[in-house]
Amino acid sequence: MKFDNMPTAQAQPSDALAMVAAIDRLIGEGIDVRRPIGSAFQLKLPDGLSYYPTTGKIYRDSASAAYQQTGLAALLAVLNSPAL
């Protein structure tokens, strides 16, 4: 599903604390964060980024591997990077 067609991320009662914290922080930072329908683990962000809060892994669509940096602080750094 295309990013623009995904619903805005909202915490669900069954979410892990890391998912809830990530959604709250990203929305608080004014970042457009979406959640694929039916996904308990993945968040989608602009420019083809995916974030998995429970593992901290960050992926870019079409990349062959995850970023070496992990976690919410690393995600925010990637999102704020001028190279994005």
C-alpha atoms as a PDB file:
ATOM      1  CA  MET A   1       0.000   0.000   0.000  1.00  0.00           C
ATOM      2  CA  LYS A   2       1.289   3.454  -0.848  1.00  0.00           C
ATOM      3  CA  PHE A   3       2.287   5.756   2.001  1.00  0.00           C
ATOM      4  CA  ASP A   4      -0.388   8.338   1.141  1.00  0.00           C
ATOM      5  CA  ASN A   5      -3.098   5.671   1.361  1.00  0.00           C
ATOM      6  CA  MET A   6      -2.072   4.405   4.794  1.00  0.00           C
ATOM      7  CA  PRO A   7      -3.925   5.638   7.860  1.00  0.00           C
ATOM      8  CA  THR A   8      -2.186   8.000  10.252  1.00  0.00           C
ATOM      9  CA  ALA A   9      -0.572   6.005  13.040  1.00  0.00           C
ATOM     10  CA  GLN A  10      -2.577   5.616  16.216  1.00  0.00           C
ATOM     11  CA  ALA A  11      -1.682   3.594  19.271  1.00  0.00           C
ATOM     12  CA  GLN A  12      -3.748   0.455  19.806  1.00  0.00           C
ATOM     13  CA  PRO A  13      -4.550  -1.157  23.182  1.00  0.00           C
ATOM     14  CA  SER A  14      -2.427  -4.218  22.368  1.00  0.00           C
ATOM     15  CA  ASP A  15       0.654  -2.206  21.281  1.00  0.00           C
ATOM     16  CA  ALA A  16       4.039  -2.659  22.899  1.00  0.00           C
ATOM     17  CA  LEU A  17       5.203   0.314  24.960  1.00  0.00           C
ATOM     18  CA  ALA A  18       7.913   1.026  22.367  1.00  0.00           C
ATOM     19  CA  MET A  19       5.258   1.384  19.635  1.00  0.00           C
ATOM     20  CA  VAL A  20       3.142   3.747  21.733  1.00  0.00           C
ATOM     21  CA  ALA A  21       6.191   5.836  22.676  1.00  0.00           C
ATOM     22  CA  ALA A  22       7.358   6.037  19.048  1.00  0.00           C
ATOM     23  CA  ILE A  23       3.956   7.118  17.756  1.00  0.00           C
ATOM     24  CA  ASP A  24       3.579   9.723  20.501  1.00  0.00           C
ATOM     25  CA  ARG A  25       7.076  11.130  19.956  1.00  0.00           C
ATOM     26  CA  LEU A  26       6.887  11.243  16.169  1.00  0.00           C
ATOM     27  CA  ILE A  27       3.493  12.925  16.181  1.00  0.00           C
ATOM     28  CA  GLY A  28       4.738  15.311  18.876  1.00  0.00           C
ATOM     29  CA  GLU A  29       7.664  16.210  16.594  1.00  0.00           C
ATOM     30  CA  GLY A  30       5.206  16.995  13.791  1.00  0.00           C
ATOM     31  CA  ILE A  31       6.301  14.043  11.654  1.00  0.00           C
ATOM     32  CA  ASP A  32       3.790  12.410   9.322  1.00  0.00           C
ATOM     33  CA  VAL A  33       3.819   8.842  10.617  1.00  0.00           C
ATOM     34  CA  ARG A  34       1.581   6.170   9.145  1.00  0.00           C
ATOM     35  CA  ARG A  35       0.860   2.589  10.036  1.00  0.00           C
ATOM     36  CA  PRO A  36       0.242  -0.161   7.512  1.00  0.00           C
ATOM     37  CA  ILE A  37      -3.182  -1.688   8.068  1.00  0.00           C
ATOM     38  CA  GLY A  38      -2.920  -4.754  10.285  1.00  0.00           C
ATOM     39  CA  SER A  39       0.710  -4.144  11.271  1.00  0.00           C
ATOM     40  CA  ALA A  40       1.534  -4.489  14.944  1.00  0.00           C
ATOM     41  CA  PHE A  41       5.232  -3.784  14.412  1.00  0.00           C
ATOM     42  CA  GLN A  42       5.877  -1.334  11.556  1.00  0.00           C
ATOM     43  CA  LEU A  43       5.587   2.419  11.163  1.00  0.00           C
ATOM     44  CA  LYS A  44       6.016   4.155   7.808  1.00  0.00           C
ATOM     45  CA  LEU A  45       7.508   7.607   7.458  1.00  0.00           C
ATOM     46  CA  PRO A  46       8.101  10.030   4.599  1.00  0.00           C
ATOM     47  CA  ASP A  47      10.746   9.312   1.971  1.00  0.00           C
ATOM     48  CA  GLY A  48      10.337   5.557   2.142  1.00  0.00           C
ATOM     49  CA  LEU A  49      11.477   4.991   5.703  1.00  0.00           C
ATOM     50  CA  SER A  50      10.161   2.169   7.860  1.00  0.00           C
ATOM     51  CA  TYR A  51      10.683   1.952  11.594  1.00  0.00           C
ATOM     52  CA  TYR A  52      10.152  -1.049  13.848  1.00  0.00           C
ATOM     53  CA  PRO A  53       9.899   0.294  17.411  1.00  0.00           C
ATOM     54  CA  THR A  54      10.229  -3.009  19.253  1.00  0.00           C
ATOM     55  CA  THR A  55      13.601  -3.745  17.609  1.00  0.00           C
ATOM     56  CA  GLY A  56      14.628  -0.164  16.833  1.00  0.00           C
ATOM     57  CA  LYS A  57      15.455  -1.113  13.235  1.00  0.00           C
ATOM     58  CA  ILE A  58      15.275   1.543  10.522  1.00  0.00           C
ATOM     59  CA  TYR A  59      14.935   0.622   6.851  1.00  0.00           C
ATOM     60  CA  ARG A  60      14.698   2.637   3.661  1.00  0.00           C
ATOM     61  CA  ASP A  61      12.551   1.181   0.892  1.00  0.00           C
ATOM     62  CA  SER A  62      14.765  -0.276  -1.834  1.00  0.00           C
ATOM     63  CA  ALA A  63      17.802  -0.561   0.480  1.00  0.00           C
ATOM     64  CA  SER A  64      19.352  -3.994   0.859  1.00  0.00           C
ATOM     65  CA  ALA A  65      19.941  -3.677   4.605  1.00  0.00           C
ATOM     66  CA  ALA A  66      18.815  -1.793   7.674  1.00  0.00           C
ATOM     67  CA  TYR A  67      20.629   1.288   8.928  1.00  0.00           C
ATOM     68  CA  GLN A  68      23.383   0.441  11.379  1.00  0.00           C
ATOM     69  CA  GLN A  69      21.977   2.922  13.886  1.00  0.00           C
ATOM     70  CA  THR A  70      18.907   1.793  15.779  1.00  0.00           C
ATOM     71  CA  GLY A  71      16.310   3.337  18.030  1.00  0.00           C
ATOM     72  CA  LEU A  72      14.043   6.329  18.069  1.00  0.00           C
ATOM     73  CA  ALA A  73      16.864   8.870  18.527  1.00  0.00           C
ATOM     74  CA  ALA A  74      18.618   7.418  15.460  1.00  0.00           C
ATOM     75  CA  LEU A  75      15.378   7.601  13.470  1.00  0.00           C
ATOM     76  CA  LEU A  76      14.923  11.252  14.392  1.00  0.00           C
ATOM     77  CA  ALA A  77      18.526  11.940  13.340  1.00  0.00           C
ATOM     78  CA  VAL A  78      17.901  10.267   9.971  1.00  0.00           C
ATOM     79  CA  LEU A  79      14.692  12.244   9.481  1.00  0.00           C
ATOM     80  CA  ASN A  80      16.478  15.510  10.321  1.00  0.00           C
ATOM     81  CA  SER A  81      19.477  14.722   8.123  1.00  0.00           C
ATOM     82  CA  PRO A  82      19.928  17.101   5.172  1.00  0.00           C
ATOM     83  CA  ALA A  83      20.842  14.073   3.018  1.00  0.00           C
ATOM     84  CA  LEU A  84      17.259  12.804   3.270  1.00  0.00           C
END
